[in-house]
C-alpha atoms as a PDB file:
ATOM      1  CA  MET A   1       0.081  -0.128  -0.082  1.00  0.00           C
ATOM      2  CA  LYS A   2       1.336   3.434  -1.002  1.00  0.00           C
ATOM      3  CA  GLU A   3       1.666   5.701   2.128  1.00  0.00           C
ATOM      4  CA  PRO A   4      -0.358   8.962   2.148  1.00  0.00           C
ATOM      5  CA  ALA A   5       1.793  12.200   1.288  1.00  0.00           C
ATOM      6  CA  GLY A   6       2.966  13.953   4.343  1.00  0.00           C
ATOM      7  CA  MET A   7       2.492  10.892   6.800  1.00  0.00           C
ATOM      8  CA  ASN A   8       5.254  10.069   9.093  1.00  0.00           C
ATOM      9  CA  ILE A   9       5.569   6.245   8.457  1.00  0.00           C
ATOM     10  CA  ILE A  10       8.682   4.693  10.076  1.00  0.00           C
ATOM     11  CA  THR A  11       9.131   1.093   8.684  1.00  0.00           C
ATOM     12  CA  ASN A  12      10.975  -1.909  10.032  1.00  0.00           C
ATOM     13  CA  SER A  13      14.278  -0.898   8.370  1.00  0.00           C
ATOM     14  CA  HIS A  14      14.443   2.006  10.839  1.00  0.00           C
ATOM     15  CA  ILE A  15      14.423   0.007  14.063  1.00  0.00           C
ATOM     16  CA  GLN A  16      16.151  -3.232  14.401  1.00  0.00           C
ATOM     17  CA  THR A  17      16.285  -3.815  18.044  1.00  0.00           C
ATOM     18  CA  TYR A  18      13.978  -3.273  21.316  1.00  0.00           C
ATOM     19  CA  ASP A  19      16.855  -0.798  22.571  1.00  0.00           C
ATOM     20  CA  GLN A  20      16.469   1.342  19.254  1.00  0.00           C
ATOM     21  CA  LEU A  21      12.582   1.178  19.939  1.00  0.00           C
ATOM     22  CA  GLU A  22      12.821   2.292  23.492  1.00  0.00           C
ATOM     23  CA  LYS A  23      15.213   5.277  22.250  1.00  0.00           C
ATOM     24  CA  LEU A  24      12.597   6.247  19.639  1.00  0.00           C
ATOM     25  CA  ILE A  25       9.725   6.249  22.194  1.00  0.00           C
ATOM     26  CA  ILE A  26      11.542   8.401  24.593  1.00  0.00           C
ATOM     27  CA  GLU A  27      12.514  10.879  21.835  1.00  0.00           C
ATOM     28  CA  GLU A  28       9.069  11.280  20.329  1.00  0.00           C
ATOM     29  CA  GLU A  29       6.461  12.904  22.551  1.00  0.00           C
ATOM     30  CA  LYS A  30       3.634  10.772  20.813  1.00  0.00           C
ATOM     31  CA  ILE A  31       3.952   7.803  18.501  1.00  0.00           C
ATOM     32  CA  ILE A  32       1.947   4.954  17.402  1.00  0.00           C
ATOM     33  CA  LEU A  33       3.208   1.372  17.199  1.00  0.00           C
ATOM     34  CA  TYR A  34       1.420  -0.630  14.568  1.00  0.00           C
ATOM     35  CA  PHE A  35       2.205  -4.403  14.673  1.00  0.00           C
ATOM     36  CA  SER A  36       1.260  -6.410  11.789  1.00  0.00           C
ATOM     37  CA  SER A  37       2.101  -9.460   9.585  1.00  0.00           C
ATOM     38  CA  PRO A  38       2.071  -9.673   5.805  1.00  0.00           C
ATOM     39  CA  ALA A  39      -0.171 -12.747   6.069  1.00  0.00           C
ATOM     40  CA  CYS A  40      -2.844 -10.927   8.215  1.00  0.00           C
ATOM     41  CA  ASN A  41      -5.948 -10.008   6.150  1.00  0.00           C
ATOM     42  CA  VAL A  42      -7.380  -7.971   9.052  1.00  0.00           C
ATOM     43  CA  CYS A  43      -4.015  -5.910   9.176  1.00  0.00           C
ATOM     44  CA  LEU A  44      -4.407  -5.087   5.413  1.00  0.00           C
ATOM     45  CA  ALA A  45      -7.987  -3.672   6.315  1.00  0.00           C
ATOM     46  CA  VAL A  46      -6.937  -2.013   9.528  1.00  0.00           C
ATOM     47  CA  PHE A  47      -3.841   0.045   8.404  1.00  0.00           C
ATOM     48  CA  PRO A  48      -5.747   2.277   5.850  1.00  0.00           C
ATOM     49  CA  LYS A  49      -8.347   3.017   8.436  1.00  0.00           C
ATOM     50  CA  LEU A  50      -5.655   4.076  10.827  1.00  0.00           C
ATOM     51  CA  MET A  51      -4.019   6.321   8.320  1.00  0.00           C
ATOM     52  CA  ASP A  52      -7.252   7.779   7.529  1.00  0.00           C
ATOM     53  CA  LEU A  53      -7.668   8.472  11.095  1.00  0.00           C
ATOM     54  CA  LEU A  54      -4.269  10.159  11.362  1.00  0.00           C
ATOM     55  CA  LYS A  55      -4.374  12.284   8.142  1.00  0.00           C
ATOM     56  CA  ASP A  56      -4.694  15.419  10.203  1.00  0.00           C
ATOM     57  CA  GLN A  57      -2.373  14.396  12.821  1.00  0.00           C
ATOM     58  CA  LEU A  58       1.302  15.122  13.318  1.00  0.00           C
ATOM     59  CA  THR A  59       1.819  11.532  14.829  1.00  0.00           C
ATOM     60  CA  LYS A  60       4.538   9.304  13.672  1.00  0.00           C
ATOM     61  CA  VAL A  61       3.696   5.786  12.911  1.00  0.00           C
ATOM     62  CA  LEU A  62       5.986   2.802  13.272  1.00  0.00           C
ATOM     63  CA  LYS A  63       4.992  -0.264  11.445  1.00  0.00           C
ATOM     64  CA  ILE A  64       6.506  -3.442  12.977  1.00  0.00           C
ATOM     65  CA  ASP A  65       6.304  -6.850  11.287  1.00  0.00           C
ATOM     66  CA  ILE A  66       6.029  -9.310  14.121  1.00  0.00           C
ATOM     67  CA  ASN A  67       7.625 -12.173  12.016  1.00  0.00           C
ATOM     68  CA  GLU A  68      10.806  -9.811  11.546  1.00  0.00           C
ATOM     69  CA  HIS A  69      10.955  -8.473  14.985  1.00  0.00           C
ATOM     70  CA  VAL A  70       9.976 -11.274  17.365  1.00  0.00           C
ATOM     71  CA  GLU A  71      11.955  -9.817  20.263  1.00  0.00           C
ATOM     72  CA  ILE A  72      10.279  -6.350  20.010  1.00  0.00           C
ATOM     73  CA  ALA A  73       6.848  -8.015  19.961  1.00  0.00           C
ATOM     74  CA  GLY A  74       7.568 -10.174  22.930  1.00  0.00           C
ATOM     75  CA  GLN A  75       9.028  -7.268  24.983  1.00  0.00           C
ATOM     76  CA  LEU A  76       5.995  -5.309  24.346  1.00  0.00           C
ATOM     77  CA  LEU A  77       3.631  -8.405  25.142  1.00  0.00           C
ATOM     78  CA  VAL A  78       2.219  -8.178  21.527  1.00  0.00           C
ATOM     79  CA  PHE A  79       0.905 -11.743  20.716  1.00  0.00           C
ATOM     80  CA  THR A  80      -1.759 -10.859  18.079  1.00  0.00           C
ATOM     81  CA  VAL A  81      -2.100  -8.630  14.939  1.00  0.00           C
ATOM     82  CA  PRO A  82      -3.057  -6.120  14.265  1.00  0.00           C
ATOM     83  CA  THR A  83      -2.154  -4.424  17.561  1.00  0.00           C
ATOM     84  CA  ILE A  84      -1.886  -0.715  18.094  1.00  0.00           C
ATOM     85  CA  LEU A  85      -0.004   0.809  20.887  1.00  0.00           C
ATOM     86  CA  ILE A  86      -0.096   4.547  21.402  1.00  0.00           C
ATOM     87  CA  MET A  87       2.923   5.751  23.518  1.00  0.00           C
ATOM     88  CA  TYR A  88       2.827   9.161  24.882  1.00  0.00           C
ATOM     89  CA  LYS A  89       5.803  10.739  26.649  1.00  0.00           C
ATOM     90  CA  GLY A  90       7.455   7.392  26.921  1.00  0.00           C
ATOM     91  CA  ARG A  91       4.513   5.287  28.158  1.00  0.00           C
ATOM     92  CA  GLU A  92       1.876   3.239  26.797  1.00  0.00           C
ATOM     93  CA  VAL A  93      -1.437   4.867  27.051  1.00  0.00           C
ATOM     94  CA  LEU A  94      -3.850   2.829  24.792  1.00  0.00           C
ATOM     95  CA  ARG A  95      -3.532  -0.774  23.429  1.00  0.00           C
ATOM     96  CA  GLU A  96      -6.076  -2.013  20.926  1.00  0.00           C
ATOM     97  CA  SER A  97      -5.664  -5.446  19.386  1.00  0.00           C
ATOM     98  CA  ARG A  98      -7.400  -7.736  16.439  1.00  0.00           C
ATOM     99  CA  PHE A  99     -10.826  -5.880  16.652  1.00  0.00           C
ATOM    100  CA  ILE A 100      -9.765  -2.154  16.847  1.00  0.00           C
ATOM    101  CA  ASP A 101     -11.971   0.292  18.345  1.00  0.00           C
ATOM    102  CA  PHE A 102     -11.093   3.394  16.219  1.00  0.00           C
ATOM    103  CA  GLN A 103     -13.238   5.686  18.216  1.00  0.00           C
ATOM    104  CA  SER A 104     -11.192   4.939  21.268  1.00  0.00           C
ATOM    105  CA  VAL A 105      -7.947   5.561  19.195  1.00  0.00           C
ATOM    106  CA  GLU A 106      -9.431   8.808  17.869  1.00  0.00           C
ATOM    107  CA  ARG A 107     -10.344   9.944  21.511  1.00  0.00           C
ATOM    108  CA  MET A 108      -6.924   9.194  22.987  1.00  0.00           C
ATOM    109  CA  LEU A 109      -5.212  10.973  20.148  1.00  0.00           C
ATOM    110  CA  ASN A 110      -7.429  14.024  20.486  1.00  0.00           C
ATOM    111  CA  SER A 111      -6.894  14.238  24.243  1.00  0.00           C
ATOM    112  CA  PHE A 112      -3.196  15.287  23.847  1.00  0.00           C
END
């Protein structure tokens, strides 16, 4: 899927270890971690909805393939996909998995 212009998408190639991820989470005031798998059909449907929700936000999104980054998924206790983690000021403030409640995601993003 082609990413929308102006979106701050960070892909797997930018983060290789959990330590690098921790550093990024601390550096960014607000970041969304999107865990998925290429074989996940639900993931293919959820990601465009998430990007549509974020079109007016200045939020970075890190797409993490759990098949390539098993350590990162394990460290964050992500055992199913898709999973969305919203991190704010270095802490997890929202977790949505499999059946994503986009209203909760939107409310959380608008509360910052």
